[in-house]
PDB file of N, CA and C in Angstrom:
ATOM      1  N   MET A   1     -14.171   7.052  12.472  1.00  0.00           N
ATOM      2  CA  MET A   1     -13.454   8.197  11.921  1.00  0.00           C
ATOM      3  C   MET A   1     -12.616   7.745  10.727  1.00  0.00           C
ATOM      4  N   GLU A   2     -12.631   8.530   9.686  1.00  0.00           N
ATOM      5  CA  GLU A   2     -11.926   8.175   8.468  1.00  0.00           C
ATOM      6  C   GLU A   2     -10.449   8.548   8.524  1.00  0.00           C
ATOM      7  N   TYR A   3      -9.650   7.755   7.854  1.00  0.00           N
ATOM      8  CA  TYR A   3      -8.226   7.993   7.722  1.00  0.00           C
ATOM      9  C   TYR A   3      -7.965   8.674   6.384  1.00  0.00           C
ATOM     10  N   ASP A   4      -6.911   9.477   6.308  1.00  0.00           N
ATOM     11  CA  ASP A   4      -6.463  10.052   5.045  1.00  0.00           C
ATOM     12  C   ASP A   4      -5.424   9.119   4.443  1.00  0.00           C
ATOM     13  N   VAL A   5      -5.482   8.912   3.141  1.00  0.00           N
ATOM     14  CA  VAL A   5      -4.471   8.119   2.443  1.00  0.00           C
ATOM     15  C   VAL A   5      -3.478   9.107   1.845  1.00  0.00           C
ATOM     16  N   VAL A   6      -2.214   8.987   2.260  1.00  0.00           N
ATOM     17  CA  VAL A   6      -1.181   9.935   1.852  1.00  0.00           C
ATOM     18  C   VAL A   6       0.081   9.180   1.429  1.00  0.00           C
ATOM     19  N   PHE A   7       1.006   9.927   0.867  1.00  0.00           N
ATOM     20  CA  PHE A   7       2.332   9.406   0.526  1.00  0.00           C
ATOM     21  C   PHE A   7       3.344  10.122   1.405  1.00  0.00           C
ATOM     22  N   PRO A   8       4.457   9.482   1.758  1.00  0.00           N
ATOM     23  CA  PRO A   8       5.439  10.137   2.625  1.00  0.00           C
ATOM     24  C   PRO A   8       6.230  11.232   1.913  1.00  0.00           C
ATOM     25  N   SER A   9       6.296  11.149   0.572  1.00  0.00           N
ATOM     26  CA  SER A   9       7.039  12.156  -0.196  1.00  0.00           C
ATOM     27  C   SER A   9       6.511  12.197  -1.625  1.00  0.00           C
ATOM     28  N   GLU A  10       6.873  13.254  -2.336  1.00  0.00           N
ATOM     29  CA  GLU A  10       6.469  13.371  -3.738  1.00  0.00           C
ATOM     30  C   GLU A  10       7.118  12.284  -4.586  1.00  0.00           C
ATOM     31  N   ARG A  11       8.340  11.926  -4.255  1.00  0.00           N
ATOM     32  CA  ARG A  11       9.057  10.891  -4.998  1.00  0.00           C
ATOM     33  C   ARG A  11       8.323   9.555  -4.912  1.00  0.00           C
ATOM     34  N   VAL A  12       7.897   9.177  -3.713  1.00  0.00           N
ATOM     35  CA  VAL A  12       7.174   7.928  -3.527  1.00  0.00           C
ATOM     36  C   VAL A  12       5.839   7.978  -4.277  1.00  0.00           C
ATOM     37  N   GLU A  13       5.186   9.126  -4.238  1.00  0.00           N
ATOM     38  CA  GLU A  13       3.915   9.283  -4.948  1.00  0.00           C
ATOM     39  C   GLU A  13       4.093   9.114  -6.458  1.00  0.00           C
ATOM     40  N   ARG A  14       5.149   9.720  -7.014  1.00  0.00           N
ATOM     41  CA  ARG A  14       5.417   9.590  -8.448  1.00  0.00           C
ATOM     42  C   ARG A  14       5.685   8.135  -8.836  1.00  0.00           C
ATOM     43  N   LEU A  15       6.496   7.440  -8.031  1.00  0.00           N
ATOM     44  CA  LEU A  15       6.799   6.035  -8.315  1.00  0.00           C
ATOM     45  C   LEU A  15       5.533   5.184  -8.241  1.00  0.00           C
ATOM     46  N   PHE A  16       4.694   5.437  -7.253  1.00  0.00           N
ATOM     47  CA  PHE A  16       3.444   4.705  -7.094  1.00  0.00           C
ATOM     48  C   PHE A  16       2.553   4.923  -8.309  1.00  0.00           C
ATOM     49  N   GLN A  17       2.397   6.188  -8.729  1.00  0.00           N
ATOM     50  CA  GLN A  17       1.561   6.522  -9.883  1.00  0.00           C
ATOM     51  C   GLN A  17       2.118   5.904 -11.167  1.00  0.00           C
ATOM     52  N   LYS A  18       3.415   5.956 -11.323  1.00  0.00           N
ATOM     53  CA  LYS A  18       4.063   5.407 -12.529  1.00  0.00           C
ATOM     54  C   LYS A  18       3.828   3.894 -12.616  1.00  0.00           C
ATOM     55  N   THR A  19       3.949   3.219 -11.495  1.00  0.00           N
ATOM     56  CA  THR A  19       3.708   1.778 -11.458  1.00  0.00           C
ATOM     57  C   THR A  19       2.238   1.490 -11.747  1.00  0.00           C
ATOM     58  N   LEU A  20       1.351   2.272 -11.161  1.00  0.00           N
ATOM     59  CA  LEU A  20      -0.089   2.079 -11.354  1.00  0.00           C
ATOM     60  C   LEU A  20      -0.486   2.236 -12.819  1.00  0.00           C
ATOM     61  N   GLU A  21       0.136   3.171 -13.518  1.00  0.00           N
ATOM     62  CA  GLU A  21      -0.175   3.402 -14.929  1.00  0.00           C
ATOM     63  C   GLU A  21       0.198   2.214 -15.811  1.00  0.00           C
ATOM     64  N   LYS A  22       1.168   1.413 -15.406  1.00  0.00           N
ATOM     65  CA  LYS A  22       1.632   0.275 -16.200  1.00  0.00           C
ATOM     66  C   LYS A  22       0.801  -0.990 -15.973  1.00  0.00           C
ATOM     67  N   ILE A  23      -0.082  -0.949 -14.979  1.00  0.00           N
ATOM     68  CA  ILE A  23      -0.875  -2.112 -14.603  1.00  0.00           C
ATOM     69  C   ILE A  23      -2.117  -2.194 -15.486  1.00  0.00           C
ATOM     70  N   PRO A  24      -2.535  -3.410 -15.895  1.00  0.00           N
ATOM     71  CA  PRO A  24      -3.758  -3.565 -16.689  1.00  0.00           C
ATOM     72  C   PRO A  24      -4.973  -2.940 -15.981  1.00  0.00           C
ATOM     73  N   ASN A  25      -5.925  -2.436 -16.781  1.00  0.00           N
ATOM     74  CA  ASN A  25      -7.063  -1.685 -16.253  1.00  0.00           C
ATOM     75  C   ASN A  25      -7.873  -2.419 -15.190  1.00  0.00           C
ATOM     76  N   ASP A  26      -8.108  -3.724 -15.365  1.00  0.00           N
ATOM     77  CA  ASP A  26      -8.925  -4.439 -14.385  1.00  0.00           C
ATOM     78  C   ASP A  26      -8.250  -4.484 -13.018  1.00  0.00           C
ATOM     79  N   TYR A  27      -6.959  -4.729 -12.996  1.00  0.00           N
ATOM     80  CA  TYR A  27      -6.232  -4.718 -11.720  1.00  0.00           C
ATOM     81  C   TYR A  27      -6.099  -3.296 -11.179  1.00  0.00           C
ATOM     82  N   ARG A  28      -5.909  -2.329 -12.068  1.00  0.00           N
ATOM     83  CA  ARG A  28      -5.771  -0.936 -11.648  1.00  0.00           C
ATOM     84  C   ARG A  28      -7.012  -0.487 -10.880  1.00  0.00           C
ATOM     85  N   ALA A  29      -8.178  -0.789 -11.406  1.00  0.00           N
ATOM     86  CA  ALA A  29      -9.435  -0.414 -10.740  1.00  0.00           C
ATOM     87  C   ALA A  29      -9.561  -1.106  -9.387  1.00  0.00           C
ATOM     88  N   ALA A  30      -9.161  -2.366  -9.322  1.00  0.00           N
ATOM     89  CA  ALA A  30      -9.230  -3.108  -8.063  1.00  0.00           C
ATOM     90  C   ALA A  30      -8.264  -2.534  -7.028  1.00  0.00           C
ATOM     91  N   ILE A  31      -7.081  -2.123  -7.474  1.00  0.00           N
ATOM     92  CA  ILE A  31      -6.094  -1.529  -6.561  1.00  0.00           C
ATOM     93  C   ILE A  31      -6.598  -0.196  -6.024  1.00  0.00           C
ATOM     94  N   VAL A  32      -7.153   0.634  -6.896  1.00  0.00           N
ATOM     95  CA  VAL A  32      -7.678   1.933  -6.467  1.00  0.00           C
ATOM     96  C   VAL A  32      -8.820   1.732  -5.465  1.00  0.00           C
ATOM     97  N   ALA A  33      -9.708   0.789  -5.736  1.00  0.00           N
ATOM     98  CA  ALA A  33     -10.815   0.511  -4.815  1.00  0.00           C
ATOM     99  C   ALA A  33     -10.301   0.002  -3.468  1.00  0.00           C
ATOM    100  N   ALA A  34      -9.301  -0.877  -3.504  1.00  0.00           N
ATOM    101  CA  ALA A  34      -8.745  -1.420  -2.265  1.00  0.00           C
ATOM    102  C   ALA A  34      -8.068  -0.331  -1.434  1.00  0.00           C
ATOM    103  N   VAL A  35      -7.339   0.571  -2.098  1.00  0.00           N
ATOM    104  CA  VAL A  35      -6.672   1.668  -1.387  1.00  0.00           C
ATOM    105  C   VAL A  35      -7.712   2.608  -0.789  1.00  0.00           C
ATOM    106  N   ARG A  36      -8.766   2.886  -1.544  1.00  0.00           N
ATOM    107  CA  ARG A  36      -9.840   3.757  -1.019  1.00  0.00           C
ATOM    108  C   ARG A  36     -10.515   3.133   0.193  1.00  0.00           C
ATOM    109  N   SER A  37     -10.633   1.814   0.206  1.00  0.00           N
ATOM    110  CA  SER A  37     -11.271   1.145   1.343  1.00  0.00           C
ATOM    111  C   SER A  37     -10.452   1.274   2.621  1.00  0.00           C
ATOM    112  N   LEU A  38      -9.155   1.552   2.477  1.00  0.00           N
ATOM    113  CA  LEU A  38      -8.308   1.730   3.659  1.00  0.00           C
ATOM    114  C   LEU A  38      -8.689   2.978   4.452  1.00  0.00           C
ATOM    115  N   THR A  39      -9.411   3.909   3.848  1.00  0.00           N
ATOM    116  CA  THR A  39      -9.813   5.123   4.568  1.00  0.00           C
ATOM    117  C   THR A  39     -10.776   4.800   5.700  1.00  0.00           C
ATOM    118  N   THR A  40     -11.627   3.803   5.506  1.00  0.00           N
ATOM    119  CA  THR A  40     -12.591   3.440   6.545  1.00  0.00           C
ATOM    120  C   THR A  40     -12.082   2.313   7.437  1.00  0.00           C
ATOM    121  N   ASN A  41     -11.231   1.459   6.901  1.00  0.00           N
ATOM    122  CA  ASN A  41     -10.698   0.346   7.684  1.00  0.00           C
ATOM    123  C   ASN A  41      -9.252   0.090   7.268  1.00  0.00           C
ATOM    124  N   PRO A  42      -8.286   0.722   7.950  1.00  0.00           N
ATOM    125  CA  PRO A  42      -6.885   0.573   7.540  1.00  0.00           C
ATOM    126  C   PRO A  42      -6.282  -0.803   7.826  1.00  0.00           C
ATOM    127  N   ARG A  43      -6.970  -1.599   8.631  1.00  0.00           N
ATOM    128  CA  ARG A  43      -6.480  -2.943   8.948  1.00  0.00           C
ATOM    129  C   ARG A  43      -7.594  -3.966   8.705  1.00  0.00           C
ATOM    130  N   PRO A  44      -8.008  -4.153   7.441  1.00  0.00           N
ATOM    131  CA  PRO A  44      -9.106  -5.089   7.172  1.00  0.00           C
ATOM    132  C   PRO A  44      -8.730  -6.524   7.525  1.00  0.00           C
ATOM    133  N   GLN A  45      -9.724  -7.291   7.907  1.00  0.00           N
ATOM    134  CA  GLN A  45      -9.514  -8.698   8.239  1.00  0.00           C
ATOM    135  C   GLN A  45      -9.525  -9.522   6.959  1.00  0.00           C
ATOM    136  N   GLY A  46      -8.918 -10.681   7.006  1.00  0.00           N
ATOM    137  CA  GLY A  46      -8.933 -11.580   5.851  1.00  0.00           C
ATOM    138  C   GLY A  46      -7.541 -11.797   5.294  1.00  0.00           C
ATOM    139  N   LYS A  47      -7.490 -12.561   4.220  1.00  0.00           N
ATOM    140  CA  LYS A  47      -6.205 -12.954   3.643  1.00  0.00           C
ATOM    141  C   LYS A  47      -5.565 -11.874   2.787  1.00  0.00           C
ATOM    142  N   ARG A  48      -6.348 -10.859   2.374  1.00  0.00           N
ATOM    143  CA  ARG A  48      -5.790  -9.820   1.504  1.00  0.00           C
ATOM    144  C   ARG A  48      -4.821  -8.908   2.233  1.00  0.00           C
ATOM    145  N   THR A  49      -5.011  -8.742   3.527  1.00  0.00           N
ATOM    146  CA  THR A  49      -4.166  -7.826   4.295  1.00  0.00           C
ATOM    147  C   THR A  49      -3.386  -8.620   5.331  1.00  0.00           C
ATOM    148  N   LYS A  50      -2.138  -8.225   5.511  1.00  0.00           N
ATOM    149  CA  LYS A  50      -1.281  -8.944   6.446  1.00  0.00           C
ATOM    150  C   LYS A  50      -0.357  -7.967   7.140  1.00  0.00           C
ATOM    151  N   LYS A  51      -0.212  -8.121   8.450  1.00  0.00           N
ATOM    152  CA  LYS A  51       0.784  -7.338   9.179  1.00  0.00           C
ATOM    153  C   LYS A  51       2.127  -8.014   8.926  1.00  0.00           C
ATOM    154  N   LEU A  52       3.094  -7.236   8.463  1.00  0.00           N
ATOM    155  CA  LEU A  52       4.399  -7.784   8.128  1.00  0.00           C
ATOM    156  C   LEU A  52       5.219  -8.017   9.384  1.00  0.00           C
ATOM    157  N   ILE A  53       5.995  -9.066   9.358  1.00  0.00           N
ATOM    158  CA  ILE A  53       6.869  -9.409  10.476  1.00  0.00           C
ATOM    159  C   ILE A  53       8.254  -8.860  10.180  1.00  0.00           C
ATOM    160  N   GLY A  54       8.882  -8.273  11.193  1.00  0.00           N
ATOM    161  CA  GLY A  54      10.209  -7.694  11.008  1.00  0.00           C
ATOM    162  C   GLY A  54      10.112  -6.291  10.445  1.00  0.00           C
ATOM    163  N   GLU A  55      11.252  -5.718  10.109  1.00  0.00           N
ATOM    164  CA  GLU A  55      11.288  -4.366   9.558  1.00  0.00           C
ATOM    165  C   GLU A  55      11.524  -4.424   8.061  1.00  0.00           C
ATOM    166  N   LEU A  56      10.585  -3.878   7.310  1.00  0.00           N
ATOM    167  CA  LEU A  56      10.733  -3.769   5.868  1.00  0.00           C
ATOM    168  C   LEU A  56      10.835  -2.288   5.544  1.00  0.00           C
ATOM    169  N   ILE A  57      12.049  -1.850   5.211  1.00  0.00           N
ATOM    170  CA  ILE A  57      12.298  -0.439   4.934  1.00  0.00           C
ATOM    171  C   ILE A  57      12.040  -0.175   3.450  1.00  0.00           C
ATOM    172  N   VAL A  58      11.144   0.799   3.187  1.00  0.00           N
ATOM    173  CA  VAL A  58      10.812   1.197   1.821  1.00  0.00           C
ATOM    174  C   VAL A  58      10.980   2.706   1.744  1.00  0.00           C
ATOM    175  N   SER A  59      11.919   3.166   0.942  1.00  0.00           N
ATOM    176  CA  SER A  59      12.169   4.606   0.775  1.00  0.00           C
ATOM    177  C   SER A  59      12.332   5.313   2.129  1.00  0.00           C
ATOM    178  N   ARG A  60      13.143   4.757   2.971  1.00  0.00           N
ATOM    179  CA  ARG A  60      13.450   5.304   4.303  1.00  0.00           C
ATOM    180  C   ARG A  60      12.272   5.256   5.279  1.00  0.00           C
ATOM    181  N   PHE A  61      11.214   4.532   4.943  1.00  0.00           N
ATOM    182  CA  PHE A  61      10.057   4.385   5.811  1.00  0.00           C
ATOM    183  C   PHE A  61       9.828   2.903   6.069  1.00  0.00           C
ATOM    184  N   THR A  62       9.180   2.579   7.179  1.00  0.00           N
ATOM    185  CA  THR A  62       8.931   1.192   7.533  1.00  0.00           C
ATOM    186  C   THR A  62       7.524   0.790   7.122  1.00  0.00           C
ATOM    187  N   ALA A  63       7.440  -0.235   6.297  1.00  0.00           N
ATOM    188  CA  ALA A  63       6.141  -0.773   5.895  1.00  0.00           C
ATOM    189  C   ALA A  63       5.688  -1.774   6.950  1.00  0.00           C
ATOM    190  N   GLU A  64       4.499  -1.578   7.476  1.00  0.00           N
ATOM    191  CA  GLU A  64       3.969  -2.471   8.499  1.00  0.00           C
ATOM    192  C   GLU A  64       2.933  -3.442   7.958  1.00  0.00           C
ATOM    193  N   TYR A  65       2.282  -3.076   6.841  1.00  0.00           N
ATOM    194  CA  TYR A  65       1.196  -3.897   6.313  1.00  0.00           C
ATOM    195  C   TYR A  65       1.350  -4.127   4.819  1.00  0.00           C
ATOM    196  N   ARG A  66       0.736  -5.228   4.376  1.00  0.00           N
ATOM    197  CA  ARG A  66       0.714  -5.565   2.963  1.00  0.00           C
ATOM    198  C   ARG A  66      -0.730  -5.806   2.562  1.00  0.00           C
ATOM    199  N   LEU A  67      -1.142  -5.199   1.446  1.00  0.00           N
ATOM    200  CA  LEU A  67      -2.471  -5.409   0.889  1.00  0.00           C
ATOM    201  C   LEU A  67      -2.296  -6.129  -0.438  1.00  0.00           C
ATOM    202  N   ARG A  68      -2.941  -7.277  -0.590  1.00  0.00           N
ATOM    203  CA  ARG A  68      -2.797  -8.095  -1.794  1.00  0.00           C
ATOM    204  C   ARG A  68      -3.982  -7.860  -2.722  1.00  0.00           C
ATOM    205  N   VAL A  69      -3.687  -7.519  -3.979  1.00  0.00           N
ATOM    206  CA  VAL A  69      -4.706  -7.371  -5.015  1.00  0.00           C
ATOM    207  C   VAL A  69      -4.209  -8.150  -6.225  1.00  0.00           C
ATOM    208  N   GLY A  70      -4.683  -9.378  -6.369  1.00  0.00           N
ATOM    209  CA  GLY A  70      -4.198 -10.246  -7.443  1.00  0.00           C
ATOM    210  C   GLY A  70      -2.703 -10.453  -7.286  1.00  0.00           C
ATOM    211  N   PRO A  71      -1.926 -10.279  -8.366  1.00  0.00           N
ATOM    212  CA  PRO A  71      -0.475 -10.476  -8.259  1.00  0.00           C
ATOM    213  C   PRO A  71       0.262  -9.232  -7.749  1.00  0.00           C
ATOM    214  N   TYR A  72      -0.471  -8.193  -7.359  1.00  0.00           N
ATOM    215  CA  TYR A  72       0.139  -6.931  -6.929  1.00  0.00           C
ATOM    216  C   TYR A  72       0.060  -6.767  -5.418  1.00  0.00           C
ATOM    217  N   ARG A  73       1.035  -6.032  -4.884  1.00  0.00           N
ATOM    218  CA  ARG A  73       1.096  -5.777  -3.446  1.00  0.00           C
ATOM    219  C   ARG A  73       1.220  -4.280  -3.197  1.00  0.00           C
ATOM    220  N   VAL A  74       0.451  -3.801  -2.238  1.00  0.00           N
ATOM    221  CA  VAL A  74       0.558  -2.418  -1.783  1.00  0.00           C
ATOM    222  C   VAL A  74       1.131  -2.493  -0.374  1.00  0.00           C
ATOM    223  N   LEU A  75       2.300  -1.893  -0.179  1.00  0.00           N
ATOM    224  CA  LEU A  75       2.929  -1.855   1.141  1.00  0.00           C
ATOM    225  C   LEU A  75       2.624  -0.502   1.764  1.00  0.00           C
ATOM    226  N   TYR A  76       2.191  -0.531   3.028  1.00  0.00           N
ATOM    227  CA  TYR A  76       1.780   0.713   3.666  1.00  0.00           C
ATOM    228  C   TYR A  76       1.989   0.670   5.169  1.00  0.00           C
ATOM    229  N   ASP A  77       1.835   1.827   5.779  1.00  0.00           N
ATOM    230  CA  ASP A  77       1.959   1.999   7.225  1.00  0.00           C
ATOM    231  C   ASP A  77       0.713   2.740   7.701  1.00  0.00           C
ATOM    232  N   VAL A  78       0.367   2.580   8.966  1.00  0.00           N
ATOM    233  CA  VAL A  78      -0.792   3.269   9.543  1.00  0.00           C
ATOM    234  C   VAL A  78      -0.316   4.140  10.693  1.00  0.00           C
ATOM    235  N   ASP A  79      -0.671   5.416  10.644  1.00  0.00           N
ATOM    236  CA  ASP A  79      -0.370   6.365  11.717  1.00  0.00           C
ATOM    237  C   ASP A  79      -1.690   6.687  12.409  1.00  0.00           C
ATOM    238  N   ASP A  80      -1.956   5.989  13.519  1.00  0.00           N
ATOM    239  CA  ASP A  80      -3.226   6.155  14.225  1.00  0.00           C
ATOM    240  C   ASP A  80      -3.366   7.521  14.883  1.00  0.00           C
ATOM    241  N   GLN A  81      -2.274   8.092  15.357  1.00  0.00           N
ATOM    242  CA  GLN A  81      -2.345   9.405  16.008  1.00  0.00           C
ATOM    243  C   GLN A  81      -2.827  10.475  15.043  1.00  0.00           C
ATOM    244  N   ARG A  82      -2.326  10.450  13.820  1.00  0.00           N
ATOM    245  CA  ARG A  82      -2.683  11.468  12.823  1.00  0.00           C
ATOM    246  C   ARG A  82      -3.802  11.007  11.897  1.00  0.00           C
ATOM    247  N   LYS A  83      -4.285   9.770  12.100  1.00  0.00           N
ATOM    248  CA  LYS A  83      -5.345   9.185  11.269  1.00  0.00           C
ATOM    249  C   LYS A  83      -4.950   9.192   9.795  1.00  0.00           C
ATOM    250  N   LYS A  84      -3.772   8.588   9.513  1.00  0.00           N
ATOM    251  CA  LYS A  84      -3.268   8.538   8.141  1.00  0.00           C
ATOM    252  C   LYS A  84      -2.831   7.127   7.776  1.00  0.00           C
ATOM    253  N   VAL A  85      -3.115   6.769   6.538  1.00  0.00           N
ATOM    254  CA  VAL A  85      -2.576   5.555   5.931  1.00  0.00           C
ATOM    255  C   VAL A  85      -1.509   6.044   4.959  1.00  0.00           C
ATOM    256  N   VAL A  86      -0.268   5.612   5.166  1.00  0.00           N
ATOM    257  CA  VAL A  86       0.857   6.088   4.364  1.00  0.00           C
ATOM    258  C   VAL A  86       1.228   5.000   3.355  1.00  0.00           C
ATOM    259  N   LEU A  87       0.952   5.272   2.074  1.00  0.00           N
ATOM    260  CA  LEU A  87       1.276   4.325   1.013  1.00  0.00           C
ATOM    261  C   LEU A  87       2.764   4.427   0.695  1.00  0.00           C
ATOM    262  N   LEU A  88       3.440   3.282   0.661  1.00  0.00           N
ATOM    263  CA  LEU A  88       4.881   3.290   0.463  1.00  0.00           C
ATOM    264  C   LEU A  88       5.325   2.681  -0.864  1.00  0.00           C
ATOM    265  N   LYS A  89       4.619   1.634  -1.314  1.00  0.00           N
ATOM    266  CA  LYS A  89       5.097   0.966  -2.526  1.00  0.00           C
ATOM    267  C   LYS A  89       3.973   0.151  -3.152  1.00  0.00           C
ATOM    268  N   LEU A  90       3.967   0.132  -4.480  1.00  0.00           N
ATOM    269  CA  LEU A  90       3.084  -0.737  -5.256  1.00  0.00           C
ATOM    270  C   LEU A  90       3.997  -1.555  -6.148  1.00  0.00           C
ATOM    271  N   ALA A  91       3.860  -2.879  -6.086  1.00  0.00           N
ATOM    272  CA  ALA A  91       4.740  -3.737  -6.883  1.00  0.00           C
ATOM    273  C   ALA A  91       4.043  -5.036  -7.228  1.00  0.00           C
ATOM    274  N   LYS A  92       4.473  -5.612  -8.352  1.00  0.00           N
ATOM    275  CA  LYS A  92       4.002  -6.950  -8.703  1.00  0.00           C
ATOM    276  C   LYS A  92       4.794  -7.939  -7.856  1.00  0.00           C
ATOM    277  N   ARG A  93       4.128  -8.936  -7.345  1.00  0.00           N
ATOM    278  CA  ARG A  93       4.759  -9.902  -6.452  1.00  0.00           C
ATOM    279  C   ARG A  93       5.839 -10.679  -7.185  1.00  0.00           C
ATOM    280  N   ASN A  94       7.066 -10.624  -6.635  1.00  0.00           N
ATOM    281  CA  ASN A  94       8.171 -11.433  -7.125  1.00  0.00           C
ATOM    282  C   ASN A  94       9.203 -11.549  -5.997  1.00  0.00           C
ATOM    283  N   GLU A  95      10.365 -12.045  -6.289  1.00  0.00           N
ATOM    284  CA  GLU A  95      11.362 -12.268  -5.252  1.00  0.00           C
ATOM    285  C   GLU A  95      11.858 -10.963  -4.615  1.00  0.00           C
ATOM    286  N   GLN A  96      11.805  -9.848  -5.360  1.00  0.00           N
ATOM    287  CA  GLN A  96      12.318  -8.584  -4.848  1.00  0.00           C
ATOM    288  C   GLN A  96      11.257  -7.725  -4.141  1.00  0.00           C
ATOM    289  N   THR A  97      10.003  -8.138  -4.118  1.00  0.00           N
ATOM    290  CA  THR A  97       8.942  -7.314  -3.548  1.00  0.00           C
ATOM    291  C   THR A  97       9.206  -6.969  -2.086  1.00  0.00           C
ATOM    292  N   TYR A  98       9.654  -7.928  -1.310  1.00  0.00           N
ATOM    293  CA  TYR A  98       9.831  -7.701   0.127  1.00  0.00           C
ATOM    294  C   TYR A  98      11.303  -7.554   0.511  1.00  0.00           C
ATOM    295  N   GLY A  99      12.131  -7.259  -0.450  1.00  0.00           N
ATOM    296  CA  GLY A  99      13.561  -7.177  -0.153  1.00  0.00           C
ATOM    297  C   GLY A  99      14.153  -5.823  -0.392  1.00  0.00           C
TER     298      GLY A  99
END
């Protein structure tokens, strides 16, 4: 069964889109493809995806997973009851990404 990829709020969606627009085209395409792949497998195996340890609060929501695409990170949560992948943040990896 497929999952829907959603945002928790319009504000988070705008920030995600704004960040995505600033990313070079090759990485942008890879990020979009990786996010689309979450619809069929929200918890892919391998080094690109990681379950986060502890509580990482992003815009009043808890990020449970990290998806790595080059130097960029997509932080998200999975709601199995509603079959939704909730995108919370897109950021270039640096000291503030997980803080």
